């Protein structure tokens, strides 16, 4: 198969997944605060940090690849 998708097009789905997981983590942190569940807040904060790091890495990679092609 001849795949003519650009790197940006290939990484749209992971970008949306990482963004969605960040939103889920923030909502979980809020719910944990409302229910006074420290373990939920801690796990959600860890998840948000991890997915934010992955999202930043993804964006930086895309911009570096596009800069090299230009």
PDB file of N, CA and C in Angstrom:
ATOM      1  N   UNK A   1       0.835  -1.185   0.000  1.00  0.00           N
ATOM      2  CA  UNK A   1       0.000   0.000   0.000  1.00  0.00           C
ATOM      3  C   UNK A   1       0.876   1.244   0.000  1.00  0.00           C
ATOM      4  N   UNK A   2       0.465   2.186  -0.773  1.00  0.00           N
ATOM      5  CA  UNK A   2       1.201   3.441  -0.876  1.00  0.00           C
ATOM      6  C   UNK A   2       0.538   4.460   0.046  1.00  0.00           C
ATOM      7  N   UNK A   3       1.184   4.758   1.154  1.00  0.00           N
ATOM      8  CA  UNK A   3       0.610   5.649   2.158  1.00  0.00           C
ATOM      9  C   UNK A   3       1.168   7.057   1.967  1.00  0.00           C
ATOM     10  N   UNK A   4       0.302   7.988   1.603  1.00  0.00           N
ATOM     11  CA  UNK A   4       0.734   9.363   1.328  1.00  0.00           C
ATOM     12  C   UNK A   4       0.361  10.333   2.443  1.00  0.00           C
ATOM     13  N   UNK A   5       0.085   9.829   3.628  1.00  0.00           N
ATOM     14  CA  UNK A   5      -0.284  10.706   4.733  1.00  0.00           C
ATOM     15  C   UNK A   5       0.954  11.384   5.303  1.00  0.00           C
ATOM     16  N   UNK A   6       0.815  12.637   5.669  1.00  0.00           N
ATOM     17  CA  UNK A   6       1.920  13.346   6.307  1.00  0.00           C
ATOM     18  C   UNK A   6       2.021  12.896   7.766  1.00  0.00           C
ATOM     19  N   UNK A   7       3.129  13.255   8.392  1.00  0.00           N
ATOM     20  CA  UNK A   7       3.322  12.881   9.792  1.00  0.00           C
ATOM     21  C   UNK A   7       2.243  13.496  10.667  1.00  0.00           C
ATOM     22  N   UNK A   8       1.866  14.721  10.372  1.00  0.00           N
ATOM     23  CA  UNK A   8       0.828  15.396  11.150  1.00  0.00           C
ATOM     24  C   UNK A   8      -0.497  14.643  11.043  1.00  0.00           C
ATOM     25  N   UNK A   9      -0.832  14.177   9.847  1.00  0.00           N
ATOM     26  CA  UNK A   9      -2.074  13.432   9.660  1.00  0.00           C
ATOM     27  C   UNK A   9      -2.031  12.086  10.368  1.00  0.00           C
ATOM     28  N   UNK A  10      -0.869  11.449  10.379  1.00  0.00           N
ATOM     29  CA  UNK A  10      -0.735  10.158  11.048  1.00  0.00           C
ATOM     30  C   UNK A  10      -0.875  10.288  12.563  1.00  0.00           C
ATOM     31  N   UNK A  11      -0.492  11.426  13.106  1.00  0.00           N
ATOM     32  CA  UNK A  11      -0.477  11.587  14.559  1.00  0.00           C
ATOM     33  C   UNK A  11      -1.697  12.319  15.101  1.00  0.00           C
ATOM     34  N   UNK A  12      -2.716  12.528  14.276  1.00  0.00           N
ATOM     35  CA  UNK A  12      -3.953  13.179  14.750  1.00  0.00           C
ATOM     36  C   UNK A  12      -4.637  12.317  15.806  1.00  0.00           C
ATOM     37  N   UNK A  13      -4.748  11.013  15.553  1.00  0.00           N
ATOM     38  CA  UNK A  13      -5.450  10.128  16.489  1.00  0.00           C
ATOM     39  C   UNK A  13      -4.730  10.059  17.839  1.00  0.00           C
ATOM     40  N   UNK A  14      -3.400   9.834  17.884  1.00  0.00           N
ATOM     41  CA  UNK A  14      -2.734   9.861  19.189  1.00  0.00           C
ATOM     42  C   UNK A  14      -2.876  11.206  19.901  1.00  0.00           C
ATOM     43  N   UNK A  15      -2.849  12.302  19.143  1.00  0.00           N
ATOM     44  CA  UNK A  15      -3.025  13.625  19.740  1.00  0.00           C
ATOM     45  C   UNK A  15      -4.385  13.723  20.426  1.00  0.00           C
ATOM     46  N   UNK A  16      -5.429  13.277  19.751  1.00  0.00           N
ATOM     47  CA  UNK A  16      -6.773  13.319  20.334  1.00  0.00           C
ATOM     48  C   UNK A  16      -6.890  12.395  21.543  1.00  0.00           C
ATOM     49  N   UNK A  17      -6.255  11.231  21.479  1.00  0.00           N
ATOM     50  CA  UNK A  17      -6.294  10.298  22.613  1.00  0.00           C
ATOM     51  C   UNK A  17      -5.589  10.905  23.821  1.00  0.00           C
ATOM     52  N   UNK A  18      -4.393  11.461  23.626  1.00  0.00           N
ATOM     53  CA  UNK A  18      -3.662  12.060  24.745  1.00  0.00           C
ATOM     54  C   UNK A  18      -4.433  13.236  25.332  1.00  0.00           C
ATOM     55  N   UNK A  19      -5.015  14.062  24.472  1.00  0.00           N
ATOM     56  CA  UNK A  19      -5.803  15.194  24.954  1.00  0.00           C
ATOM     57  C   UNK A  19      -7.011  14.713  25.745  1.00  0.00           C
ATOM     58  N   UNK A  20      -7.673  13.682  25.243  1.00  0.00           N
ATOM     59  CA  UNK A  20      -8.823  13.115  25.957  1.00  0.00           C
ATOM     60  C   UNK A  20      -8.435  12.533  27.304  1.00  0.00           C
ATOM     61  N   UNK A  21      -7.293  11.873  27.377  1.00  0.00           N
ATOM     62  CA  UNK A  21      -6.852  11.295  28.647  1.00  0.00           C
ATOM     63  C   UNK A  21      -6.484  12.388  29.651  1.00  0.00           C
ATOM     64  N   UNK A  22      -5.973  13.508  29.179  1.00  0.00           N
ATOM     65  CA  UNK A  22      -5.693  14.637  30.070  1.00  0.00           C
ATOM     66  C   UNK A  22      -6.996  15.171  30.647  1.00  0.00           C
ATOM     67  N   UNK A  23      -8.019  15.294  29.801  1.00  0.00           N
ATOM     68  CA  UNK A  23      -9.325  15.774  30.271  1.00  0.00           C
ATOM     69  C   UNK A  23      -9.916  14.799  31.285  1.00  0.00           C
ATOM     70  N   UNK A  24      -9.819  13.494  31.012  1.00  0.00           N
ATOM     71  CA  UNK A  24     -10.329  12.487  31.950  1.00  0.00           C
ATOM     72  C   UNK A  24      -9.590  12.587  33.282  1.00  0.00           C
ATOM     73  N   UNK A  25      -8.280  12.788  33.233  1.00  0.00           N
ATOM     74  CA  UNK A  25      -7.500  12.918  34.459  1.00  0.00           C
ATOM     75  C   UNK A  25      -7.885  14.143  35.266  1.00  0.00           C
ATOM     76  N   UNK A  26      -8.128  15.248  34.591  1.00  0.00           N
ATOM     77  CA  UNK A  26      -8.534  16.474  35.297  1.00  0.00           C
ATOM     78  C   UNK A  26      -9.898  16.283  35.941  1.00  0.00           C
ATOM     79  N   UNK A  27     -10.814  15.633  35.224  1.00  0.00           N
ATOM     80  CA  UNK A  27     -12.140  15.366  35.799  1.00  0.00           C
ATOM     81  C   UNK A  27     -12.032  14.424  37.000  1.00  0.00           C
ATOM     82  N   UNK A  28     -11.138  13.444  36.914  1.00  0.00           N
ATOM     83  CA  UNK A  28     -10.944  12.517  38.021  1.00  0.00           C
ATOM     84  C   UNK A  28     -10.336  13.226  39.229  1.00  0.00           C
ATOM     85  N   UNK A  29      -9.427  14.167  38.979  1.00  0.00           N
ATOM     86  CA  UNK A  29      -8.869  14.949  40.089  1.00  0.00           C
ATOM     87  C   UNK A  29      -9.966  15.742  40.784  1.00  0.00           C
ATOM     88  N   UNK A  30     -10.824  16.364  40.003  1.00  0.00           N
ATOM     89  CA  UNK A  30     -11.924  17.156  40.560  1.00  0.00           C
ATOM     90  C   UNK A  30     -12.865  16.276  41.383  1.00  0.00           C
ATOM     91  N   UNK A  31     -13.215  15.111  40.847  1.00  0.00           N
ATOM     92  CA  UNK A  31     -14.110  14.210  41.572  1.00  0.00           C
ATOM     93  C   UNK A  31     -13.441  13.703  42.855  1.00  0.00           C
ATOM     94  N   UNK A  32     -12.150  13.431  42.785  1.00  0.00           N
ATOM     95  CA  UNK A  32     -11.425  13.003  43.971  1.00  0.00           C
ATOM     96  C   UNK A  32     -11.398  14.076  45.046  1.00  0.00           C
ATOM     97  N   UNK A  33     -11.294  15.331  44.621  1.00  0.00           N
ATOM     98  CA  UNK A  33     -11.324  16.431  45.591  1.00  0.00           C
ATOM     99  C   UNK A  33     -12.700  16.551  46.228  1.00  0.00           C
ATOM    100  N   UNK A  34     -13.740  16.383  45.422  1.00  0.00           N
ATOM    101  CA  UNK A  34     -15.097  16.481  45.963  1.00  0.00           C
ATOM    102  C   UNK A  34     -15.400  15.365  46.958  1.00  0.00           C
ATOM    103  N   UNK A  35     -14.878  14.165  46.678  1.00  0.00           N
ATOM    104  CA  UNK A  35     -15.149  13.009  47.535  1.00  0.00           C
ATOM    105  C   UNK A  35     -14.072  12.801  48.602  1.00  0.00           C
ATOM    106  N   UNK A  36     -13.111  13.703  48.677  1.00  0.00           N
ATOM    107  CA  UNK A  36     -12.008  13.632  49.650  1.00  0.00           C
ATOM    108  C   UNK A  36     -11.260  12.304  49.539  1.00  0.00           C
ATOM    109  N   UNK A  37     -10.943  11.917  48.310  1.00  0.00           N
ATOM    110  CA  UNK A  37     -10.182  10.695  48.060  1.00  0.00           C
ATOM    111  C   UNK A  37      -8.794  11.084  47.556  1.00  0.00           C
ATOM    112  N   UNK A  38      -7.861  11.117  48.487  1.00  0.00           N
ATOM    113  CA  UNK A  38      -6.507  11.558  48.144  1.00  0.00           C
ATOM    114  C   UNK A  38      -5.840  10.636  47.133  1.00  0.00           C
ATOM    115  N   UNK A  39      -6.101   9.334  47.223  1.00  0.00           N
ATOM    116  CA  UNK A  39      -5.488   8.386  46.301  1.00  0.00           C
ATOM    117  C   UNK A  39      -5.937   8.664  44.865  1.00  0.00           C
ATOM    118  N   UNK A  40      -7.196   9.036  44.691  1.00  0.00           N
ATOM    119  CA  UNK A  40      -7.704   9.325  43.344  1.00  0.00           C
ATOM    120  C   UNK A  40      -7.052  10.592  42.785  1.00  0.00           C
ATOM    121  N   UNK A  41      -6.903  11.584  43.632  1.00  0.00           N
ATOM    122  CA  UNK A  41      -6.272  12.838  43.196  1.00  0.00           C
ATOM    123  C   UNK A  41      -4.821  12.582  42.804  1.00  0.00           C
ATOM    124  N   UNK A  42      -4.110  11.788  43.611  1.00  0.00           N
ATOM    125  CA  UNK A  42      -2.702  11.509  43.330  1.00  0.00           C
ATOM    126  C   UNK A  42      -2.535  10.728  42.029  1.00  0.00           C
ATOM    127  N   UNK A  43      -3.343   9.696  41.827  1.00  0.00           N
ATOM    128  CA  UNK A  43      -3.245   8.910  40.599  1.00  0.00           C
ATOM    129  C   UNK A  43      -3.632   9.732  39.374  1.00  0.00           C
ATOM    130  N   UNK A  44      -4.663  10.547  39.507  1.00  0.00           N
ATOM    131  CA  UNK A  44      -5.088  11.379  38.385  1.00  0.00           C
ATOM    132  C   UNK A  44      -4.016  12.417  38.049  1.00  0.00           C
ATOM    133  N   UNK A  45      -3.398  12.997  39.070  1.00  0.00           N
ATOM    134  CA  UNK A  45      -2.335  13.978  38.826  1.00  0.00           C
ATOM    135  C   UNK A  45      -1.151  13.322  38.118  1.00  0.00           C
ATOM    136  N   UNK A  46      -0.800  12.114  38.533  1.00  0.00           N
ATOM    137  CA  UNK A  46       0.283  11.384  37.881  1.00  0.00           C
ATOM    138  C   UNK A  46      -0.063  11.093  36.420  1.00  0.00           C
ATOM    139  N   UNK A  47      -1.293  10.687  36.178  1.00  0.00           N
ATOM    140  CA  UNK A  47      -1.728  10.429  34.806  1.00  0.00           C
ATOM    141  C   UNK A  47      -1.713  11.676  33.946  1.00  0.00           C
ATOM    142  N   UNK A  48      -2.162  12.784  34.510  1.00  0.00           N
ATOM    143  CA  UNK A  48      -2.167  14.044  33.758  1.00  0.00           C
ATOM    144  C   UNK A  48      -0.739  14.454  33.406  1.00  0.00           C
ATOM    145  N   UNK A  49       0.174  14.313  34.334  1.00  0.00           N
ATOM    146  CA  UNK A  49       1.574  14.666  34.068  1.00  0.00           C
ATOM    147  C   UNK A  49       2.147  13.774  32.964  1.00  0.00           C
ATOM    148  N   UNK A  50       1.883  12.475  33.047  1.00  0.00           N
ATOM    149  CA  UNK A  50       2.406  11.548  32.036  1.00  0.00           C
ATOM    150  C   UNK A  50       1.845  11.853  30.649  1.00  0.00           C
ATOM    151  N   UNK A  51       0.541  12.026  30.557  1.00  0.00           N
ATOM    152  CA  UNK A  51      -0.057  12.271  29.248  1.00  0.00           C
ATOM    153  C   UNK A  51       0.298  13.651  28.704  1.00  0.00           C
ATOM    154  N   UNK A  52       0.489  14.630  29.577  1.00  0.00           N
ATOM    155  CA  UNK A  52       0.927  15.946  29.117  1.00  0.00           C
ATOM    156  C   UNK A  52       2.345  15.864  28.562  1.00  0.00           C
ATOM    157  N   UNK A  53       3.204  15.098  29.215  1.00  0.00           N
ATOM    158  CA  UNK A  53       4.565  14.902  28.722  1.00  0.00           C
ATOM    159  C   UNK A  53       4.554  14.229  27.355  1.00  0.00           C
ATOM    160  N   UNK A  54       3.747  13.181  27.210  1.00  0.00           N
ATOM    161  CA  UNK A  54       3.653  12.497  25.922  1.00  0.00           C
ATOM    162  C   UNK A  54       3.107  13.421  24.835  1.00  0.00           C
ATOM    163  N   UNK A  55       2.121  14.226  25.184  1.00  0.00           N
ATOM    164  CA  UNK A  55       1.538  15.155  24.216  1.00  0.00           C
ATOM    165  C   UNK A  55       2.571  16.191  23.774  1.00  0.00           C
ATOM    166  N   UNK A  56       3.333  16.724  24.713  1.00  0.00           N
ATOM    167  CA  UNK A  56       4.378  17.705  24.371  1.00  0.00           C
ATOM    168  C   UNK A  56       5.446  17.067  23.486  1.00  0.00           C
ATOM    169  N   UNK A  57       5.834  15.841  23.809  1.00  0.00           N
ATOM    170  CA  UNK A  57       6.815  15.127  23.002  1.00  0.00           C
ATOM    171  C   UNK A  57       6.299  14.919  21.582  1.00  0.00           C
ATOM    172  N   UNK A  58       5.036  14.580  21.460  1.00  0.00           N
ATOM    173  CA  UNK A  58       4.414  14.377  20.152  1.00  0.00           C
ATOM    174  C   UNK A  58       4.419  15.663  19.331  1.00  0.00           C
ATOM    175  N   UNK A  59       4.043  16.768  19.951  1.00  0.00           N
ATOM    176  CA  UNK A  59       3.985  18.055  19.244  1.00  0.00           C
ATOM    177  C   UNK A  59       5.383  18.502  18.826  1.00  0.00           C
ATOM    178  N   UNK A  60       6.355  18.361  19.707  1.00  0.00           N
ATOM    179  CA  UNK A  60       7.730  18.754  19.380  1.00  0.00           C
ATOM    180  C   UNK A  60       8.263  17.908  18.228  1.00  0.00           C
ATOM    181  N   UNK A  61       7.976  16.615  18.237  1.00  0.00           N
ATOM    182  CA  UNK A  61       8.423  15.732  17.164  1.00  0.00           C
ATOM    183  C   UNK A  61       7.834  16.148  15.825  1.00  0.00           C
ATOM    184  N   UNK A  62       6.558  16.462  15.807  1.00  0.00           N
ATOM    185  CA  UNK A  62       5.904  16.875  14.561  1.00  0.00           C
ATOM    186  C   UNK A  62       6.525  18.166  14.040  1.00  0.00           C
ATOM    187  N   UNK A  63       6.735  19.140  14.923  1.00  0.00           N
ATOM    188  CA  UNK A  63       7.309  20.409  14.471  1.00  0.00           C
ATOM    189  C   UNK A  63       8.745  20.244  13.976  1.00  0.00           C
ATOM    190  N   UNK A  64       9.528  19.382  14.625  1.00  0.00           N
ATOM    191  CA  UNK A  64      10.899  19.147  14.169  1.00  0.00           C
ATOM    192  C   UNK A  64      10.911  18.497  12.789  1.00  0.00           C
ATOM    193  N   UNK A  65      10.033  17.519  12.584  1.00  0.00           N
ATOM    194  CA  UNK A  65       9.970  16.841  11.287  1.00  0.00           C
ATOM    195  C   UNK A  65       9.545  17.805  10.182  1.00  0.00           C
ATOM    196  N   UNK A  66       8.567  18.652  10.474  1.00  0.00           N
ATOM    197  CA  UNK A  66       8.102  19.604   9.466  1.00  0.00           C
ATOM    198  C   UNK A  66       9.156  20.670   9.170  1.00  0.00           C
ATOM    199  N   UNK A  67       9.926  21.036  10.189  1.00  0.00           N
ATOM    200  CA  UNK A  67      10.978  22.037   9.989  1.00  0.00           C
ATOM    201  C   UNK A  67      12.094  21.464   9.112  1.00  0.00           C
ATOM    202  N   UNK A  68      12.405  20.179   9.286  1.00  0.00           N
ATOM    203  CA  UNK A  68      13.439  19.549   8.475  1.00  0.00           C
ATOM    204  C   UNK A  68      13.019  19.438   7.014  1.00  0.00           C
ATOM    205  N   UNK A  69      11.742  19.212   6.775  1.00  0.00           N
ATOM    206  CA  UNK A  69      11.255  19.084   5.402  1.00  0.00           C
ATOM    207  C   UNK A  69      11.204  20.425   4.685  1.00  0.00           C
ATOM    208  N   UNK A  70      11.045  21.496   5.444  1.00  0.00           N
ATOM    209  CA  UNK A  70      10.903  22.826   4.823  1.00  0.00           C
ATOM    210  C   UNK A  70      12.217  23.421   4.403  1.00  0.00           C
TER     211      UNK A  70
END
